[in-house]
């Protein structure tokens, strides 16, 4: 199915089968006779490249794919993306997860239309608080890089980017998201001074 146009932030677009029940049709932005899924079909959102996917193309899972620890959850269930998921995932095993904690989906009973046409999103936000502008950090000294985060529990990448030289130095590729990182600037660090503007 080909779609065109733009979806505004915080918006949804509902596509349903033309023979769906009245409650679904009334909440739909578009209907189509070509929508007919039985639970074991892969469904992808594509714009040149795949942006998001449910299932695996070319794979027959039997009745349906397991999601969040629910067997064949893509058959006769309602899947709702968790509110803390801010982008699609092209690796179905990551998205489906193995239990309710690591899955990107909530599995509800069949024909649960309570969220149809709406979606609450908790957008992750991370703000650097130190350095906060104009500091000069010298080699052979220890400084605290600090931040605040909301709706973001994963580890973070801390790196220094030299815009003039187009060079990147990774300080920690998987820092614990606890709000601060102590960095002792080595004497051989390539920049003589670190300035955050």
Protein backbone atom coordinates (compact mmCIF):
# COMPACT_ATOMS: atom_id res chain seq x y z
CA UNK A 1 0.00 0.00 0.00
CA UNK A 2 1.45 3.35 -1.01
CA UNK A 3 0.94 6.38 1.21
CA UNK A 4 1.92 10.01 0.74
CA UNK A 5 1.90 13.19 2.78
CA UNK A 6 3.19 14.12 6.22
CA UNK A 7 2.21 12.92 9.66
CA UNK A 8 2.42 15.77 12.14
CA UNK A 9 4.18 15.29 15.51
CA UNK A 10 1.99 13.70 18.18
CA UNK A 11 -0.42 12.47 15.49
CA UNK A 12 -1.66 9.05 14.46
CA UNK A 13 -2.95 7.69 11.16
CA UNK A 14 -5.34 4.73 11.30
CA UNK A 15 -5.75 2.43 8.30
CA UNK A 16 -8.38 -0.29 8.53
CA UNK A 17 -9.96 -2.98 6.42
CA UNK A 18 -13.08 -1.71 4.67
CA UNK A 19 -15.13 -4.49 6.29
CA UNK A 20 -13.98 -3.71 9.86
CA UNK A 21 -16.55 -3.05 12.57
CA UNK A 22 -18.19 0.38 12.80
CA UNK A 23 -16.11 1.43 15.83
CA UNK A 24 -12.89 0.89 13.86
CA UNK A 25 -14.18 2.48 10.65
CA UNK A 26 -15.31 5.57 12.60
CA UNK A 27 -11.77 6.05 13.95
CA UNK A 28 -10.03 5.38 10.65
CA UNK A 29 -8.29 7.95 8.48
CA UNK A 30 -8.27 5.53 5.54
CA UNK A 31 -9.80 2.19 4.65
CA UNK A 32 -8.57 -0.43 2.21
CA UNK A 33 -9.77 -3.78 0.90
CA UNK A 34 -6.16 -4.98 0.73
CA UNK A 35 -5.69 -5.15 4.51
CA UNK A 36 -6.20 -8.74 5.55
CA UNK A 37 -3.92 -10.12 8.26
CA UNK A 38 -4.24 -13.42 10.08
CA UNK A 39 -1.45 -12.94 12.63
CA UNK A 40 1.47 -14.53 10.82
CA UNK A 41 2.04 -11.77 8.25
CA UNK A 42 5.02 -9.45 8.52
CA UNK A 43 4.05 -5.77 8.33
CA UNK A 44 6.67 -3.09 7.63
CA UNK A 45 6.64 0.70 7.53
CA UNK A 46 8.91 1.67 4.63
CA UNK A 47 10.13 4.98 3.24
CA UNK A 48 12.98 4.03 0.90
CA UNK A 49 14.36 1.94 3.80
CA UNK A 50 12.44 -0.02 6.42
CA UNK A 51 11.60 2.22 9.40
CA UNK A 52 9.71 -0.27 11.55
CA UNK A 53 8.50 -3.84 11.34
CA UNK A 54 6.29 -6.39 13.02
CA UNK A 55 7.42 -9.95 12.27
CA UNK A 56 10.05 -11.16 9.83
CA UNK A 57 9.54 -10.96 6.07
CA UNK A 58 9.68 -14.40 4.47
CA UNK A 59 9.33 -16.27 7.77
CA UNK A 60 6.23 -18.28 8.72
CA UNK A 61 5.95 -18.31 12.53
CA UNK A 62 2.96 -20.64 12.51
CA UNK A 63 -0.08 -19.03 14.12
CA UNK A 64 1.77 -15.80 14.94
CA UNK A 65 4.85 -14.25 16.52
CA UNK A 66 5.47 -14.27 20.24
CA UNK A 67 5.53 -10.81 21.81
CA UNK A 68 6.39 -9.85 25.40
CA UNK A 69 6.21 -13.48 26.50
CA UNK A 70 2.75 -14.03 24.98
CA UNK A 71 2.65 -16.95 22.55
CA UNK A 72 1.42 -16.00 19.05
CA UNK A 73 0.59 -12.49 20.28
CA UNK A 74 0.27 -11.16 16.72
CA UNK A 75 -2.81 -13.40 16.31
CA UNK A 76 -6.07 -12.43 18.02
CA UNK A 77 -4.49 -9.79 20.25
CA UNK A 78 -4.07 -6.02 20.20
CA UNK A 79 -0.49 -4.69 20.18
CA UNK A 80 0.16 -1.21 21.54
CA UNK A 81 3.62 0.38 21.33
CA UNK A 82 4.92 1.36 24.74
CA UNK A 83 4.89 5.10 25.41
CA UNK A 84 8.66 5.27 26.01
CA UNK A 85 9.51 3.98 22.52
CA UNK A 86 10.39 7.02 20.41
CA UNK A 87 11.31 5.39 17.09
CA UNK A 88 10.77 2.29 15.02
CA UNK A 89 12.90 -0.84 15.28
CA UNK A 90 13.85 -2.84 12.21
CA UNK A 91 15.01 -5.84 14.25
CA UNK A 92 11.86 -7.71 15.21
CA UNK A 93 13.46 -9.75 18.00
CA UNK A 94 14.47 -6.48 19.73
CA UNK A 95 11.00 -5.05 19.32
CA UNK A 96 9.06 -8.18 20.31
CA UNK A 97 11.22 -8.93 23.35
CA UNK A 98 10.85 -12.03 25.47
CA UNK A 99 8.85 -10.64 28.40
CA UNK A 100 6.81 -7.59 29.42
CA UNK A 101 9.94 -5.75 30.61
CA UNK A 102 12.15 -5.95 27.50
CA UNK A 103 9.40 -5.87 24.86
CA UNK A 104 8.56 -2.61 23.09
CA UNK A 105 4.92 -3.68 23.01
CA UNK A 106 1.96 -4.05 25.35
CA UNK A 107 -0.19 -7.07 24.51
CA UNK A 108 -3.91 -6.55 25.11
CA UNK A 109 -6.92 -8.76 24.39
CA UNK A 110 -8.34 -9.01 20.89
CA UNK A 111 -10.48 -6.06 19.76
CA UNK A 112 -9.22 -3.66 22.42
CA UNK A 113 -9.95 -0.37 20.64
CA UNK A 114 -9.40 1.86 23.69
CA UNK A 115 -6.19 3.34 22.25
CA UNK A 116 -7.11 3.26 18.57
CA UNK A 117 -6.28 6.62 16.99
CA UNK A 118 -4.30 7.88 19.97
CA UNK A 119 -0.84 7.30 21.36
CA UNK A 120 0.89 8.78 24.37
CA UNK A 121 4.63 9.20 23.90
CA UNK A 122 7.21 9.82 26.58
CA UNK A 123 9.94 11.50 24.56
CA UNK A 124 13.44 10.88 25.96
CA UNK A 125 15.31 14.04 26.88
CA UNK A 126 18.91 14.46 28.01
CA UNK A 127 20.37 17.87 28.93
CA UNK A 128 24.05 18.51 29.70
CA UNK A 129 24.31 20.68 32.82
CA UNK A 130 28.12 20.69 33.27
CA UNK A 131 29.99 21.99 31.40
CA UNK A 132 27.38 24.60 30.68
CA UNK A 133 29.24 27.11 28.54
CA UNK A 134 32.62 28.78 28.31
CA UNK A 135 34.55 26.54 30.71
CA UNK A 136 38.20 25.87 30.01
CA UNK A 137 39.25 22.36 31.00
CA UNK A 138 42.96 21.53 31.02
CA UNK A 139 44.93 18.31 30.70
CA UNK A 140 45.92 16.39 33.86
CA UNK A 141 42.82 17.59 35.73
CA UNK A 142 39.60 15.81 36.69
CA UNK A 143 36.22 17.33 35.84
CA UNK A 144 32.61 16.28 36.24
CA UNK A 145 30.38 15.99 33.21
CA UNK A 146 26.81 16.07 34.49
CA UNK A 147 23.38 15.85 32.94
CA UNK A 148 19.70 15.39 33.65
CA UNK A 149 17.49 12.95 31.80
CA UNK A 150 13.80 12.21 31.50
CA UNK A 151 12.17 9.10 30.05
CA UNK A 152 15.63 7.74 29.30
CA UNK A 153 17.10 4.86 31.29
CA UNK A 154 19.66 3.42 28.89
CA UNK A 155 23.40 3.85 29.17
CA UNK A 156 24.77 6.81 27.25
CA UNK A 157 27.66 7.58 24.90
CA UNK A 158 29.95 10.40 26.06
CA UNK A 159 32.22 11.84 23.39
CA UNK A 160 34.16 14.97 22.51
CA UNK A 161 33.71 16.28 18.99
CA UNK A 162 36.30 18.58 17.42
CA UNK A 163 34.20 20.37 14.82
CA UNK A 164 37.18 22.07 13.16
CA UNK A 165 39.10 18.83 12.66
CA UNK A 166 35.97 16.68 12.19
CA UNK A 167 37.39 14.36 14.84
CA UNK A 168 35.61 12.45 17.61
CA UNK A 169 37.08 11.07 20.82
CA UNK A 170 34.91 8.62 22.77
CA UNK A 171 35.24 9.05 26.53
CA UNK A 172 32.82 6.29 27.48
CA UNK A 173 30.77 4.24 25.02
CA UNK A 174 28.31 2.98 27.64
CA UNK A 175 28.24 5.26 30.69
CA UNK A 176 25.66 4.51 33.35
CA UNK A 177 22.87 7.07 33.13
CA UNK A 178 23.24 8.24 36.75
CA UNK A 179 23.72 11.96 36.03
CA UNK A 180 27.47 12.35 36.19
CA UNK A 181 30.73 11.13 34.75
CA UNK A 182 34.16 11.95 36.23
CA UNK A 183 36.69 12.53 33.51
CA UNK A 184 40.40 12.83 34.15
CA UNK A 185 41.80 14.48 31.06
CA UNK A 186 44.97 12.62 30.11
CA UNK A 187 48.18 14.56 29.50
CA UNK A 188 48.30 13.21 25.93
CA UNK A 189 44.74 14.30 25.12
CA UNK A 190 44.77 15.77 21.57
CA UNK A 191 43.21 19.11 22.55
CA UNK A 192 45.14 21.35 24.90
CA UNK A 193 41.93 22.97 26.18
CA UNK A 194 38.34 21.79 26.12
CA UNK A 195 35.85 24.60 25.79
CA UNK A 196 32.09 24.10 25.64
CA UNK A 197 30.46 27.07 23.96
